[in-house]
Protein backbone atom coordinates (compact mmCIF):
# COMPACT_ATOMS: atom_id res chain seq x y z
CA UNK A 1 16.45 -29.56 0.73
CA UNK A 2 14.35 -27.13 2.76
CA UNK A 3 10.73 -26.51 1.77
CA UNK A 4 8.30 -23.94 3.17
CA UNK A 5 4.58 -24.41 2.40
CA UNK A 6 2.60 -21.14 2.33
CA UNK A 7 -1.19 -20.82 2.71
CA UNK A 8 -3.31 -17.74 3.33
CA UNK A 9 -6.94 -17.57 4.40
CA UNK A 10 -9.74 -15.01 4.52
CA UNK A 11 -13.38 -15.79 5.32
CA UNK A 12 -12.97 -19.49 4.60
CA UNK A 13 -14.76 -22.27 6.50
CA UNK A 14 -12.50 -23.31 9.36
CA UNK A 15 -12.84 -27.00 8.54
CA UNK A 16 -11.43 -26.43 5.06
CA UNK A 17 -8.52 -24.39 6.43
CA UNK A 18 -7.69 -27.06 9.00
CA UNK A 19 -7.88 -29.78 6.35
CA UNK A 20 -5.41 -27.84 4.21
CA UNK A 21 -2.98 -27.23 7.08
CA UNK A 22 -3.12 -30.86 8.23
CA UNK A 23 -2.22 -32.09 4.76
CA UNK A 24 0.77 -29.72 4.66
CA UNK A 25 1.96 -30.68 8.15
CA UNK A 26 1.50 -34.44 7.59
CA UNK A 27 3.58 -34.74 4.43
CA UNK A 28 6.25 -37.46 4.32
CA UNK A 29 8.99 -36.36 4.11
CA UNK A 30 7.86 -33.34 6.07
CA UNK A 31 8.12 -29.68 5.11
CA UNK A 32 10.59 -27.67 7.17
CA UNK A 33 8.02 -24.93 7.74
CA UNK A 34 4.30 -24.39 7.12
CA UNK A 35 3.48 -20.68 6.94
CA UNK A 36 -0.15 -19.78 7.59
CA UNK A 37 -1.11 -16.18 6.78
CA UNK A 38 -4.34 -15.52 8.67
CA UNK A 39 -6.13 -12.51 7.15
CA UNK A 40 -9.20 -12.81 9.38
CA UNK A 41 -10.33 -10.37 12.04
CA UNK A 42 -10.50 -11.78 14.65
CA UNK A 43 -7.92 -14.44 13.76
CA UNK A 44 -9.07 -18.02 13.25
CA UNK A 45 -9.14 -20.24 16.30
CA UNK A 46 -7.77 -23.40 14.75
CA UNK A 47 -7.42 -26.85 16.29
CA UNK A 48 -4.78 -26.73 19.09
CA UNK A 49 -3.11 -29.82 17.61
CA UNK A 50 -2.47 -27.73 14.49
CA UNK A 51 -1.72 -24.36 16.09
CA UNK A 52 0.82 -25.89 18.49
CA UNK A 53 2.65 -27.86 15.80
CA UNK A 54 6.38 -27.15 15.90
CA UNK A 55 6.62 -26.54 12.16
CA UNK A 56 3.62 -24.19 11.88
CA UNK A 57 4.16 -20.42 11.79
CA UNK A 58 0.87 -18.55 12.22
CA UNK A 59 1.08 -14.96 10.94
CA UNK A 60 -1.95 -12.80 11.80
CA UNK A 61 -1.98 -10.17 9.04
CA UNK A 62 -5.44 -8.60 8.44
CA UNK A 63 -5.14 -7.63 4.76
CA UNK A 64 -8.02 -8.12 2.32
CA UNK A 65 -6.29 -9.17 -0.90
CA UNK A 66 -4.84 -12.59 -1.64
CA UNK A 67 -1.82 -11.02 -3.39
CA UNK A 68 -1.17 -8.68 -0.47
CA UNK A 69 -1.31 -11.66 1.87
CA UNK A 70 1.13 -13.71 -0.21
CA UNK A 71 3.46 -10.71 -0.33
CA UNK A 72 3.24 -9.97 3.38
CA UNK A 73 5.22 -12.71 5.11
CA UNK A 74 9.00 -12.61 5.71
CA UNK A 75 10.41 -14.76 2.90
CA UNK A 76 12.60 -17.49 4.45
CA UNK A 77 15.74 -17.17 2.35
CA UNK A 78 17.19 -20.31 3.96
CA UNK A 79 14.48 -22.33 2.18
CA UNK A 80 15.18 -23.90 -1.19
CA UNK A 81 11.53 -23.69 -2.26
CA UNK A 82 8.33 -21.83 -1.38
CA UNK A 83 5.26 -23.95 -2.12
CA UNK A 84 1.92 -22.10 -2.36
CA UNK A 85 -1.36 -23.88 -1.63
CA UNK A 86 -4.88 -22.43 -1.25
CA UNK A 87 -6.80 -22.70 2.00
CA UNK A 88 -9.60 -24.62 0.28
CA UNK A 89 -7.16 -27.05 -1.34
CA UNK A 90 -4.86 -29.66 0.15
CA UNK A 91 -1.79 -31.61 -0.93
CA UNK A 92 -2.03 -35.27 -1.82
CA UNK A 93 -0.29 -37.41 0.86
CA UNK A 94 2.71 -38.21 -1.37
CA UNK A 95 3.06 -34.69 -2.80
CA UNK A 96 6.44 -33.74 -1.30
CA UNK A 97 7.94 -37.13 -2.07
CA UNK A 98 7.17 -36.60 -5.75
CA UNK A 99 8.18 -32.93 -5.60
CA UNK A 100 11.63 -33.69 -4.20
CA UNK A 101 12.18 -36.36 -6.85
CA UNK A 102 11.31 -33.85 -9.59
CA UNK A 103 13.65 -31.17 -8.23
CA UNK A 104 16.50 -33.66 -8.11
CA UNK A 105 15.93 -34.60 -11.76
CA UNK A 106 15.52 -30.96 -12.87
CA UNK A 107 17.88 -28.83 -10.72
CA UNK A 108 17.73 -25.91 -13.17
CA UNK A 109 14.04 -25.18 -12.60
CA UNK A 110 13.06 -22.02 -10.73
CA UNK A 111 9.28 -22.51 -10.83
CA UNK A 112 7.31 -25.76 -10.66
CA UNK A 113 3.54 -25.93 -11.21
CA UNK A 114 1.30 -28.86 -10.35
CA UNK A 115 -2.26 -29.87 -11.20
CA UNK A 116 -5.56 -29.17 -9.45
CA UNK A 117 -8.07 -32.00 -9.12
CA UNK A 118 -11.59 -31.90 -7.70
CA UNK A 119 -12.02 -33.45 -4.28
CA UNK A 120 -15.52 -34.72 -5.10
CA UNK A 121 -14.74 -36.85 -8.16
CA UNK A 122 -10.96 -36.75 -8.78
CA UNK A 123 -11.29 -35.05 -12.18
CA UNK A 124 -8.90 -32.33 -13.23
CA UNK A 125 -10.15 -28.87 -12.28
CA UNK A 126 -9.81 -27.71 -15.88
CA UNK A 127 -9.28 -29.38 -19.29
CA UNK A 128 -6.05 -27.40 -19.56
CA UNK A 129 -4.56 -29.27 -16.60
CA UNK A 130 -5.64 -32.58 -18.10
CA UNK A 131 -3.92 -31.79 -21.40
CA UNK A 132 -0.77 -30.30 -19.82
CA UNK A 133 2.12 -28.86 -21.82
CA UNK A 134 5.43 -27.03 -21.75
CA UNK A 135 5.20 -24.13 -19.29
CA UNK A 136 7.93 -22.30 -21.21
CA UNK A 137 5.48 -21.81 -24.09
CA UNK A 138 3.20 -18.81 -23.70
CA UNK A 139 -0.01 -20.68 -24.48
CA UNK A 140 0.63 -22.96 -21.51
CA UNK A 141 1.39 -20.32 -18.87
CA UNK A 142 -2.14 -20.65 -17.45
CA UNK A 143 -1.11 -24.07 -16.16
CA UNK A 144 0.43 -22.16 -13.26
CA UNK A 145 -2.24 -21.67 -10.62
CA UNK A 146 -1.74 -20.06 -7.21
CA UNK A 147 -3.25 -23.04 -5.45
CA UNK A 148 -0.38 -25.30 -6.53
CA UNK A 149 2.99 -23.93 -7.52
CA UNK A 150 6.49 -23.68 -6.05
CA UNK A 151 9.21 -21.11 -6.59
CA UNK A 152 12.74 -20.43 -5.43
CA UNK A 153 12.69 -17.65 -2.79
CA UNK A 154 15.28 -15.57 -4.67
CA UNK A 155 13.21 -15.81 -7.86
CA UNK A 156 10.06 -14.79 -5.98
CA UNK A 157 11.84 -11.62 -4.87
CA UNK A 158 13.46 -11.04 -8.26
CA UNK A 159 10.03 -11.01 -9.94
CA UNK A 160 8.69 -8.52 -7.43
CA UNK A 161 6.27 -11.03 -5.86
CA UNK A 162 2.57 -10.74 -6.87
CA UNK A 163 0.96 -7.64 -8.33
CA UNK A 164 -1.32 -6.43 -5.54
CA UNK A 165 -3.77 -4.92 -8.03
CA UNK A 166 -4.81 -8.45 -9.05
CA UNK A 167 -6.36 -11.33 -7.14
CA UNK A 168 -9.37 -11.84 -4.88
CA UNK A 169 -9.84 -8.84 -2.59
CA UNK A 170 -7.98 -6.42 -4.88
CA UNK A 171 -9.19 -3.81 -7.38
CA UNK A 172 -9.08 -6.42 -10.17
CA UNK A 173 -10.48 -9.48 -8.45
CA UNK A 174 -8.60 -12.33 -10.14
CA UNK A 175 -5.77 -13.43 -12.48
CA UNK A 176 -2.87 -12.79 -10.11
CA UNK A 177 -1.42 -16.22 -10.96
CA UNK A 178 -1.43 -15.70 -14.73
CA UNK A 179 -0.05 -12.19 -14.28
CA UNK A 180 2.76 -13.69 -12.20
CA UNK A 181 3.33 -16.49 -14.75
CA UNK A 182 3.62 -13.91 -17.52
CA UNK A 183 6.21 -11.98 -15.52
CA UNK A 184 8.20 -15.21 -15.25
CA UNK A 185 7.72 -15.98 -18.97
CA UNK A 186 8.85 -12.56 -20.17
CA UNK A 187 11.85 -12.76 -17.80
CA UNK A 188 12.80 -16.20 -19.22
CA UNK A 189 12.58 -17.98 -15.85
CA UNK A 190 13.00 -21.79 -16.22
CA UNK A 191 9.70 -23.40 -15.21
CA UNK A 192 7.75 -26.60 -15.84
CA UNK A 193 4.38 -28.25 -15.19
CA UNK A 194 4.04 -31.72 -13.64
CA UNK A 195 0.50 -33.15 -13.48
CA UNK A 196 1.51 -35.80 -10.94
CA UNK A 197 1.91 -33.03 -8.32
CA UNK A 198 -1.74 -32.93 -7.28
CA UNK A 199 -3.66 -30.59 -5.01
CA UNK A 200 -7.24 -31.56 -4.23
CA UNK A 201 -9.66 -28.61 -4.41
CA UNK A 202 -13.36 -28.00 -3.88
CA UNK A 203 -15.38 -28.08 -7.09
CA UNK A 204 -15.84 -24.88 -9.14
CA UNK A 205 -19.08 -22.92 -8.72
CA UNK A 206 -19.74 -24.58 -5.36
CA UNK A 207 -21.82 -21.64 -4.07
CA UNK A 208 -25.36 -20.50 -4.84
CA UNK A 209 -26.41 -19.70 -8.40
CA UNK A 210 -26.21 -15.91 -7.98
CA UNK A 211 -22.93 -16.14 -6.04
CA UNK A 212 -21.45 -18.26 -8.84
CA UNK A 213 -22.68 -15.81 -11.50
CA UNK A 214 -21.11 -12.92 -9.62
CA UNK A 215 -17.87 -14.84 -9.16
CA UNK A 216 -17.71 -15.72 -12.87
CA UNK A 217 -18.21 -12.06 -13.79
CA UNK A 218 -15.65 -10.77 -11.27
CA UNK A 219 -13.05 -13.29 -12.36
CA UNK A 220 -13.76 -12.33 -15.96
CA UNK A 221 -13.18 -8.65 -15.20
CA UNK A 222 -9.81 -9.44 -13.61
CA UNK A 223 -8.78 -11.60 -16.56
CA UNK A 224 -9.72 -8.93 -19.09
CA UNK A 225 -7.88 -6.22 -17.17
CA UNK A 226 -4.76 -8.36 -16.84
CA UNK A 227 -4.66 -9.04 -20.60
CA UNK A 228 -5.23 -5.36 -21.32
CA UNK A 229 -2.38 -4.45 -18.97
CA UNK A 230 0.16 -6.60 -20.81
CA UNK A 231 -0.99 -5.48 -24.25
CA UNK A 232 -0.52 -1.87 -23.13
CA UNK A 233 3.00 -2.85 -22.03
CA UNK A 234 3.70 -3.58 -25.69
CA UNK A 235 3.73 -7.38 -25.48
CA UNK A 236 2.49 -9.26 -28.54
CA UNK A 237 1.77 -12.69 -27.04
CA UNK A 238 -1.20 -11.48 -24.92
CA UNK A 239 -3.08 -10.75 -28.17
CA UNK A 240 -3.34 -14.54 -28.56
CA UNK A 241 -4.86 -14.73 -25.09
CA UNK A 242 -7.27 -11.91 -25.93
CA UNK A 243 -8.56 -13.83 -28.93
CA UNK A 244 -8.91 -17.08 -26.99
CA UNK A 245 -10.57 -15.61 -23.92
CA UNK A 246 -13.27 -13.91 -26.01
CA UNK A 247 -13.96 -16.86 -28.33
CA UNK A 248 -13.81 -19.75 -25.87
CA UNK A 249 -16.86 -18.77 -23.77
CA UNK A 250 -19.05 -18.89 -26.87
CA UNK A 251 -17.95 -22.45 -27.59
CA UNK A 252 -18.57 -23.34 -23.95
CA UNK A 253 -22.05 -21.79 -24.04
CA UNK A 254 -23.04 -23.85 -27.09
CA UNK A 255 -21.47 -27.00 -25.66
CA UNK A 256 -23.37 -26.72 -22.38
CA UNK A 257 -26.63 -25.89 -24.12
CA UNK A 258 -26.29 -29.03 -26.26
CA UNK A 259 -25.65 -31.00 -23.09
CA UNK A 260 -28.81 -29.45 -21.58
CA UNK A 261 -26.80 -27.61 -18.93
CA UNK A 262 -28.15 -24.04 -19.12
CA UNK A 263 -26.89 -23.18 -15.63
CA UNK A 264 -23.25 -23.54 -16.71
CA UNK A 265 -24.02 -21.69 -19.96
CA UNK A 266 -25.09 -18.69 -17.90
CA UNK A 267 -21.82 -18.85 -15.95
CA UNK A 268 -19.95 -18.86 -19.29
CA UNK A 269 -21.92 -15.80 -20.39
CA UNK A 270 -21.07 -14.00 -17.14
CA UNK A 271 -17.41 -14.82 -17.68
CA UNK A 272 -17.47 -13.43 -21.21
CA UNK A 273 -19.23 -10.23 -20.13
CA UNK A 274 -16.73 -9.71 -17.33
CA UNK A 275 -13.75 -10.20 -19.64
CA UNK A 276 -15.02 -7.62 -22.11
CA UNK A 277 -15.65 -5.19 -19.25
CA UNK A 278 -12.14 -5.72 -17.88
CA UNK A 279 -10.45 -5.17 -21.24
CA UNK A 280 -12.32 -1.90 -21.72
CA UNK A 281 -12.07 -0.65 -18.15
CA UNK A 282 -8.33 -1.09 -17.62
CA UNK A 283 -7.13 1.71 -19.99
CA UNK A 284 -9.59 4.18 -18.46
CA UNK A 285 -8.53 3.12 -14.97
CA UNK A 286 -4.90 3.70 -15.96
CA UNK A 287 -5.71 7.13 -17.38
CA UNK A 288 -7.49 8.01 -14.15
CA UNK A 289 -4.44 7.02 -12.13
CA UNK A 290 -2.17 9.05 -14.38
CA UNK A 291 -4.22 12.16 -13.86
CA UNK A 292 -4.78 11.69 -10.12
CA UNK A 293 -1.40 10.28 -9.07
CA UNK A 294 0.91 11.70 -11.75
CA UNK A 295 2.61 8.60 -13.10
CA UNK A 296 6.14 9.36 -14.19
CA UNK A 297 6.76 8.12 -17.74
CA UNK A 298 10.50 8.71 -17.29
CA UNK A 299 10.70 6.67 -14.09
CA UNK A 300 8.95 3.30 -14.55
CA UNK A 301 10.23 2.09 -11.16
CA UNK A 302 7.88 4.55 -9.43
CA UNK A 303 4.99 3.23 -11.50
CA UNK A 304 5.89 -0.35 -10.59
CA UNK A 305 5.48 0.53 -6.91
CA UNK A 306 1.86 1.40 -7.72
CA UNK A 307 1.25 -2.08 -9.15
CA UNK A 308 1.11 -1.01 -12.80
């Protein structure tokens, strides 16, 4: 079995990037290739022991968006699996050993998602990952996160890779993973979630208060726009997500207020505001593109090239 681990990086602390790459290169059994997509200008000057490693391929591609970066590298079709990991996350030492065992037990799977745990206390990054569930059920598709999932190269190409309108650095600054998971769900791609496949990740809202508020809002906008996109495509299931994503922040606000944690309550409020803004903005954005770029309703393939 041949495995290629893919990480991209833009503006991240070099120590975090090197930690991530070391964990990928030091897996036992080892990955056949570690692909590092360096979006920085100038490129990162990483530790020579890492940069000279025989299995590391360092692509210097100065694009701003995470989805563009993940779409930019030549997909190694000789690989059996592409494994995506964020630059501020890193694989547990026994990750590939467990991954290979899972693929041998479930040879039909085309996508495998793992869990994210905090590197400061070992807790799951989100309650959803702690609970788990069947990834083939729509309500569980958010278990797939870009910082820890693997896919067959042919399936990655079949699904058209990531939508470059979503993700950090794009017009809609988040939700590229859920958008991708929904593409897989609506195309009936066999996939599953395994919590034992763990990636350690820095804690959420690790920045300053105002940076965290801004991030919560931006991520909310992307989430709202992504849900609006799929509803406008005529899909029914995203209506369930619309209901949940508007109701859940209120419950979280009350919960954190009761726990005397007003800081997190404000983050929840920013998330809610961003989601509402995204839901409302997406249709107007689409109408603007139709008028300015002339989307062809009789040729959806042309529209797909524009990320819609």
